[in-house]
Amino acid sequence: MSKIKYRFNTKSLSFEKDIVPLRKRVWQALSYLGTGLFFATITIALAYKYLESPKEKQLNREIAELNLQYELLNNRMGEVTQVLNDIQERDNNIYRTIFETDAIPASIRKAGFGGVERYKELKGYDNSDLMIESTQKLDRISKQLYIQSKSFDEVAKLVKSKEQLLASIPAIQPISNKDLKHVPSGYGWRMDPIYKTGEFHAGLDFTANIGTEIYATGDGVVTTADAVMQGYGNHVVINHGFGYQTLYGHMSKMKVRPGQKVKRGELIGWVGNTGRSTGPHVHYEVIKNGEKVNPINFFFNDLSPAAYQQLISLSSQPSQSFD
């Protein structure tokens, strides 16, 4: 039962019932309701902005995990890119050089993708930049792999048509790995062991005990087997054809003679210390079209990929040559 309210009438000097009009009562009710709704809305808005619901917490954890996986994916694609760059380098500078075909230019290997809207479906998200960067890297790798695959197809065709070339070009070390005493002194600028000055070393020095066997690194014909060039001491030069020659210096003894045909892996002499030498070793050179080139690029039949990379790294370090 509602309470009856009275008010004092100053004119009649008596108490009268306080009758509130319906309109006023409705307005008061709406005012209370509006005030409540206003504060409720403010409270809910603040809660949504500063407090996470259990579902939001789960979604945020999933987003953080996705960001981490994207970063790991980017790192792995970076490693794949490094390996692919090494394959491309060897393809251009070894395989395609050997078969005397033009290298594939970088402008083709690493050409961009056309169309500014290529990744438009990935735009508009909080992590759009990360997703687009990862997708671009994957697209570049895929394109480079496709081009490299086509290049190897071309090289494979050249292999079939150039069996004699494959047998003739230098492709192994002149000394077996088991007989080596040290990593070869590399091709390039080195310290002269006698005059202690810088000079260009045009071959590799394989150190081994006197009497260690030296092998022909490819099929060919012996053009020189003497000690006329005193710096090399007893030395052998083999003409492999196709513009290739190899030289083996400082032998103790030679087993071949000029005009003799030899096969890859055939014994041609023994390690010595003759000529201008500071210790037992064989000085090995590869000459292509009259120009001395780095022999390190011609051991692909002899070493595993890991051993080949290690040999390149070690032989390229500054050191003193032995002749």
Protein backbone atom coordinates (compact mmCIF):
# COMPACT_ATOMS: atom_id res chain seq x y z
CA MET A 1 0.00 0.00 0.00
CA SER A 2 1.51 3.31 -1.09
CA LYS A 3 2.06 5.99 1.48
CA ILE A 4 -0.16 9.07 1.43
CA LYS A 5 1.82 12.28 1.48
CA TYR A 6 0.51 15.60 2.82
CA ARG A 7 1.67 19.14 2.36
CA PHE A 8 0.86 22.29 4.40
CA ASN A 9 -1.21 24.89 2.56
CA THR A 10 -0.04 28.28 3.77
CA LYS A 11 -3.13 29.98 2.47
CA SER A 12 -5.72 27.76 4.14
CA LEU A 13 -3.41 26.98 7.08
CA SER A 14 -4.27 23.30 6.80
CA PHE A 15 -2.74 20.02 5.61
CA GLU A 16 -3.85 18.73 2.26
CA LYS A 17 -3.16 15.53 0.36
CA ASP A 18 -0.13 15.83 -2.01
CA ILE A 19 -1.46 14.55 -5.31
CA VAL A 20 1.34 14.03 -7.96
CA PRO A 21 0.10 14.24 -11.54
CA LEU A 22 0.49 11.14 -13.69
CA ARG A 23 2.66 12.99 -16.19
CA LYS A 24 5.09 14.00 -13.45
CA ARG A 25 5.25 10.48 -12.09
CA VAL A 26 5.95 9.10 -15.55
CA TRP A 27 8.66 11.70 -16.11
CA GLN A 28 10.29 10.86 -12.77
CA ALA A 29 10.26 7.15 -13.61
CA LEU A 30 11.79 7.79 -17.00
CA SER A 31 14.45 10.02 -15.43
CA TYR A 32 15.44 7.28 -12.98
CA LEU A 33 15.47 4.72 -15.77
CA GLY A 34 17.55 6.98 -18.06
CA THR A 35 20.08 7.72 -15.34
CA GLY A 36 20.42 4.03 -14.62
CA LEU A 37 20.85 3.18 -18.27
CA PHE A 38 23.46 5.92 -18.68
CA PHE A 39 25.64 4.68 -15.83
CA ALA A 40 25.11 1.07 -16.88
CA THR A 41 26.28 1.92 -20.42
CA ILE A 42 29.38 3.71 -19.10
CA THR A 43 30.19 0.76 -16.84
CA ILE A 44 29.78 -1.80 -19.64
CA ALA A 45 31.87 0.30 -22.07
CA LEU A 46 34.71 0.61 -19.57
CA ALA A 47 34.54 -3.11 -18.84
CA TYR A 48 34.75 -3.98 -22.55
CA LYS A 49 37.66 -1.61 -23.04
CA TYR A 50 39.81 -2.49 -20.04
CA LEU A 51 38.71 -5.97 -19.02
CA GLU A 52 39.19 -9.09 -21.18
CA SER A 53 36.58 -11.75 -21.38
CA PRO A 54 37.70 -15.41 -21.27
CA LYS A 55 37.10 -15.65 -25.03
CA GLU A 56 39.18 -12.53 -25.69
CA LYS A 57 42.00 -13.91 -23.57
CA GLN A 58 41.97 -17.11 -25.63
CA LEU A 59 41.95 -15.18 -28.91
CA ASN A 60 44.85 -12.98 -27.77
CA ARG A 61 46.87 -16.08 -26.87
CA GLU A 62 46.17 -17.54 -30.31
CA ILE A 63 47.20 -14.26 -32.00
CA ALA A 64 50.46 -14.19 -30.02
CA GLU A 65 51.16 -17.79 -31.03
CA LEU A 66 50.43 -17.00 -34.69
CA ASN A 67 52.82 -14.03 -34.55
CA LEU A 68 55.52 -16.28 -33.11
CA GLN A 69 54.96 -18.90 -35.80
CA TYR A 70 55.13 -16.21 -38.51
CA GLU A 71 58.47 -15.02 -37.11
CA LEU A 72 59.81 -18.59 -37.04
CA LEU A 73 58.54 -19.11 -40.60
CA ASN A 74 60.31 -15.94 -41.73
CA ASN A 75 63.55 -17.13 -40.12
CA ARG A 76 63.30 -20.53 -41.81
CA MET A 77 62.57 -18.92 -45.18
CA GLY A 78 65.68 -16.77 -44.64
CA GLU A 79 67.75 -19.93 -44.14
CA VAL A 80 66.22 -21.51 -47.24
CA THR A 81 67.03 -18.35 -49.20
CA GLN A 82 70.70 -18.57 -48.16
CA VAL A 83 70.91 -22.19 -49.33
CA LEU A 84 69.15 -21.28 -52.58
CA ASN A 85 71.56 -18.39 -53.17
CA ASP A 86 74.49 -20.80 -52.74
CA ILE A 87 72.94 -23.23 -55.25
CA GLN A 88 72.40 -20.40 -57.73
CA GLU A 89 76.00 -19.23 -57.28
CA ARG A 90 77.36 -22.71 -57.96
CA ASP A 91 74.99 -23.15 -60.88
CA ASN A 92 76.18 -19.94 -62.56
CA ASN A 93 79.89 -20.14 -61.73
CA ILE A 94 80.55 -23.89 -61.84
CA TYR A 95 77.99 -26.01 -63.68
CA ARG A 96 77.04 -23.53 -66.39
CA THR A 97 80.68 -22.43 -66.75
CA ILE A 98 81.81 -26.02 -67.18
CA PHE A 99 79.28 -26.62 -69.93
CA GLU A 100 80.08 -23.27 -71.52
CA THR A 101 76.59 -21.85 -71.37
CA ASP A 102 75.56 -18.37 -70.28
CA ALA A 103 74.87 -17.69 -66.61
CA ILE A 104 71.31 -16.77 -65.66
CA PRO A 105 71.35 -13.05 -64.74
CA ALA A 106 70.13 -11.89 -61.34
CA SER A 107 67.51 -9.73 -63.05
CA ILE A 108 65.77 -12.96 -64.13
CA ARG A 109 66.47 -15.06 -61.04
CA LYS A 110 65.20 -12.38 -58.64
CA ALA A 111 62.69 -10.49 -60.74
CA GLY A 112 59.77 -8.92 -58.88
CA PHE A 113 56.08 -9.70 -59.16
CA GLY A 114 53.69 -7.51 -61.13
CA GLY A 115 50.45 -6.02 -59.84
CA VAL A 116 50.01 -3.73 -56.85
CA GLU A 117 46.88 -5.64 -55.82
CA ARG A 118 48.57 -9.03 -55.62
CA TYR A 119 48.19 -9.15 -51.83
CA LYS A 120 45.04 -7.06 -51.41
CA GLU A 121 43.19 -9.93 -49.70
CA LEU A 122 45.75 -9.80 -46.87
CA LYS A 123 45.31 -6.09 -46.20
CA GLY A 124 43.09 -4.59 -43.51
CA TYR A 125 44.18 -6.83 -40.61
CA ASP A 126 46.18 -5.97 -37.51
CA ASN A 127 49.03 -8.21 -38.72
CA SER A 128 48.72 -7.50 -42.44
CA ASP A 129 52.36 -6.36 -42.79
CA LEU A 130 53.67 -9.58 -41.28
CA MET A 131 51.41 -11.77 -43.41
CA ILE A 132 52.26 -9.88 -46.62
CA GLU A 133 56.01 -10.00 -45.91
CA SER A 134 55.91 -13.77 -45.30
CA THR A 135 53.82 -14.38 -48.42
CA GLN A 136 56.17 -12.26 -50.55
CA LYS A 137 59.21 -14.21 -49.31
CA LEU A 138 57.51 -17.50 -50.09
CA ASP A 139 56.55 -16.28 -53.56
CA ARG A 140 60.14 -15.18 -54.28
CA ILE A 141 61.54 -18.51 -53.11
CA SER A 142 59.00 -20.42 -55.21
CA LYS A 143 59.87 -18.44 -58.33
CA GLN A 144 63.63 -18.83 -57.81
CA LEU A 145 63.21 -22.57 -57.23
CA TYR A 146 61.24 -22.84 -60.47
CA ILE A 147 63.95 -20.99 -62.42
CA GLN A 148 66.66 -23.11 -60.78
CA SER A 149 64.78 -26.28 -61.64
CA LYS A 150 64.61 -25.19 -65.28
CA SER A 151 68.33 -24.41 -65.20
CA PHE A 152 69.13 -27.89 -63.90
CA ASP A 153 66.96 -29.38 -66.65
CA GLU A 154 69.10 -27.51 -69.17
CA VAL A 155 72.32 -28.65 -67.48
CA ALA A 156 71.05 -32.26 -67.50
CA LYS A 157 70.57 -32.06 -71.27
CA LEU A 158 74.10 -30.68 -71.65
CA VAL A 159 75.44 -33.57 -69.53
CA LYS A 160 73.93 -36.14 -71.88
CA SER A 161 75.42 -34.44 -74.92
CA LYS A 162 78.86 -33.87 -73.42
CA GLU A 163 79.96 -37.17 -71.91
CA GLN A 164 83.50 -36.69 -73.22
CA LEU A 165 83.64 -33.23 -71.68
CA LEU A 166 82.53 -34.65 -68.31
CA ALA A 167 85.28 -37.25 -68.42
CA SER A 168 87.92 -34.71 -69.41
CA ILE A 169 87.40 -31.69 -67.18
CA PRO A 170 89.21 -31.68 -63.82
CA ALA A 171 86.79 -33.01 -61.21
CA ILE A 172 88.76 -34.58 -58.33
CA GLN A 173 91.62 -33.68 -55.99
CA PRO A 174 95.12 -34.66 -57.14
CA ILE A 175 95.79 -36.27 -53.74
CA SER A 176 93.43 -38.47 -51.75
CA ASN A 177 91.95 -36.90 -48.62
CA LYS A 178 93.39 -39.67 -46.45
CA ASP A 179 96.92 -38.66 -47.48
CA LEU A 180 96.57 -34.92 -46.84
CA LYS A 181 98.48 -33.46 -43.90
CA HIS A 182 96.88 -29.99 -43.99
CA VAL A 183 94.06 -28.09 -45.64
CA PRO A 184 95.31 -26.82 -49.02
CA SER A 185 96.84 -23.36 -49.15
CA GLY A 186 94.33 -21.49 -51.26
CA TYR A 187 94.14 -19.62 -54.54
CA GLY A 188 94.65 -15.86 -54.27
CA TRP A 189 96.95 -13.38 -52.59
CA ARG A 190 99.23 -15.13 -50.12
CA MET A 191 102.49 -14.57 -48.24
CA ASP A 192 105.59 -15.65 -50.18
CA PRO A 193 107.36 -18.24 -47.96
CA ILE A 194 110.84 -17.13 -49.02
CA TYR A 195 110.66 -13.38 -49.57
CA LYS A 196 107.80 -12.78 -47.05
CA THR A 197 106.02 -10.48 -49.49
CA GLY A 198 102.51 -10.62 -50.89
CA GLU A 199 102.14 -12.45 -54.20
CA PHE A 200 99.30 -14.00 -56.15
CA HIS A 201 99.14 -17.77 -55.67
CA ALA A 202 97.56 -19.21 -58.83
CA GLY A 203 96.86 -22.72 -57.52
CA LEU A 204 96.35 -24.90 -54.45
CA ASP A 205 99.16 -26.47 -52.39
CA PHE A 206 98.32 -29.98 -51.12
CA THR A 207 100.80 -30.93 -48.39
CA ALA A 208 101.57 -34.63 -47.97
CA ASN A 209 104.51 -36.91 -47.24
CA ILE A 210 107.16 -37.43 -49.91
CA GLY A 211 106.14 -40.37 -52.05
CA THR A 212 102.37 -39.80 -51.73
CA GLU A 213 100.62 -40.70 -54.98
CA ILE A 214 99.41 -37.92 -57.30
CA TYR A 215 96.51 -38.60 -59.67
CA ALA A 216 95.31 -37.05 -62.94
CA THR A 217 92.14 -35.09 -62.23
CA GLY A 218 90.59 -35.70 -65.66
CA ASP A 219 91.12 -37.57 -68.93
CA GLY A 220 93.69 -36.00 -71.25
CA VAL A 221 97.11 -36.09 -72.89
CA VAL A 222 100.37 -35.27 -71.10
CA THR A 223 102.04 -32.29 -72.77
CA THR A 224 104.86 -31.69 -70.25
CA ALA A 225 106.76 -33.98 -67.88
CA ASP A 226 110.08 -32.39 -66.97
CA ALA A 227 111.84 -29.86 -64.71
CA VAL A 228 112.55 -27.17 -67.31
CA MET A 229 110.60 -24.56 -65.34
CA GLN A 230 112.78 -24.66 -62.25
CA GLY A 231 110.25 -22.99 -59.98
CA TYR A 232 107.87 -25.94 -60.34
CA GLY A 233 110.64 -28.55 -60.11
CA ASN A 234 109.54 -31.89 -61.54
CA HIS A 235 106.13 -31.12 -62.93
CA VAL A 236 103.47 -32.50 -65.25
CA VAL A 237 101.02 -30.61 -67.47
CA ILE A 238 97.96 -32.42 -68.87
CA ASN A 239 95.84 -31.09 -71.75
CA HIS A 240 92.25 -32.19 -71.16
CA GLY A 241 90.79 -30.59 -74.26
CA PHE A 242 87.82 -28.19 -74.26
CA GLY A 243 90.25 -25.43 -73.21
CA TYR A 244 91.29 -27.14 -69.94
CA GLN A 245 94.79 -27.88 -68.68
CA THR A 246 96.12 -28.90 -65.26
CA LEU A 247 99.61 -28.54 -63.77
CA TYR A 248 101.15 -30.63 -60.96
CA GLY A 249 104.40 -29.27 -59.50
CA HIS A 250 107.27 -30.19 -57.12
CA MET A 251 107.04 -33.96 -57.72
CA SER A 252 109.74 -36.27 -56.42
CA LYS A 253 109.27 -38.56 -59.45
CA MET A 254 107.09 -38.56 -62.57
CA LYS A 255 105.40 -41.68 -63.91
CA VAL A 256 104.17 -40.29 -67.25
CA ARG A 257 105.82 -38.92 -70.40
CA PRO A 258 104.79 -36.31 -72.99
CA GLY A 259 102.22 -37.60 -75.46
CA GLN A 260 100.89 -40.24 -73.09
CA LYS A 261 97.10 -40.50 -72.67
CA VAL A 262 95.84 -40.65 -69.09
CA LYS A 263 92.49 -41.26 -67.40
CA ARG A 264 90.98 -39.48 -64.41
CA GLY A 265 92.35 -41.05 -61.24
CA GLU A 266 95.43 -42.55 -62.98
CA LEU A 267 98.76 -42.31 -61.13
CA ILE A 268 101.04 -39.69 -62.74
CA GLY A 269 103.74 -39.17 -60.09
CA TRP A 270 104.63 -38.80 -56.42
CA VAL A 271 104.76 -35.87 -53.99
CA GLY A 272 108.18 -34.27 -53.58
CA ASN A 273 109.98 -31.09 -52.60
CA THR A 274 111.70 -30.18 -55.88
CA GLY A 275 111.98 -26.70 -57.37
CA ARG A 276 111.10 -23.59 -55.39
CA SER A 277 109.46 -25.27 -52.42
CA THR A 278 109.64 -25.02 -48.63
CA GLY A 279 108.13 -28.42 -47.85
CA PRO A 280 106.75 -31.61 -49.41
CA HIS A 281 103.58 -30.82 -51.36
CA VAL A 282 102.06 -30.75 -54.83
CA HIS A 283 101.24 -27.38 -56.38
CA TYR A 284 98.07 -27.84 -58.43
CA GLU A 285 96.71 -25.45 -61.06
CA VAL A 286 93.70 -25.44 -63.39
CA ILE A 287 94.04 -23.42 -66.60
CA LYS A 288 90.92 -22.57 -68.63
CA ASN A 289 91.46 -21.03 -72.08
CA GLY A 290 94.94 -19.93 -71.06
CA GLU A 291 93.81 -18.31 -67.79
CA LYS A 292 94.60 -19.78 -64.37
CA VAL A 293 91.35 -20.23 -62.42
CA ASN A 294 90.56 -21.31 -58.87
CA PRO A 295 90.90 -25.13 -58.63
CA ILE A 296 88.52 -25.16 -55.65
CA ASN A 297 85.62 -25.12 -58.10
CA PHE A 298 86.67 -28.43 -59.68
CA PHE A 299 86.36 -31.01 -56.88
CA PHE A 300 82.65 -31.72 -57.30
CA ASN A 301 83.15 -35.46 -58.02
CA ASP A 302 85.32 -35.94 -54.97
CA LEU A 303 83.63 -34.32 -51.98
CA SER A 304 80.27 -34.26 -50.25
CA PRO A 305 78.45 -30.88 -50.24
CA ALA A 306 79.36 -30.37 -46.56
CA ALA A 307 83.03 -31.23 -47.11
CA TYR A 308 83.11 -29.05 -50.23
CA GLN A 309 81.77 -26.02 -48.33
CA GLN A 310 84.23 -26.60 -45.49
CA LEU A 311 87.14 -26.84 -47.93
CA ILE A 312 86.10 -23.58 -49.62
CA SER A 313 85.90 -21.82 -46.25
CA LEU A 314 89.24 -23.08 -44.96
CA SER A 315 91.22 -22.67 -48.17
CA SER A 316 90.07 -19.07 -48.61
CA GLN A 317 91.55 -17.97 -45.28
CA PRO A 318 94.78 -15.89 -45.50
CA SER A 319 97.84 -18.11 -45.19
CA GLN A 320 101.35 -18.66 -46.50
CA SER A 321 101.88 -20.71 -49.64
CA PHE A 322 104.51 -23.44 -49.87
CA ASP A 323 106.12 -22.24 -53.13
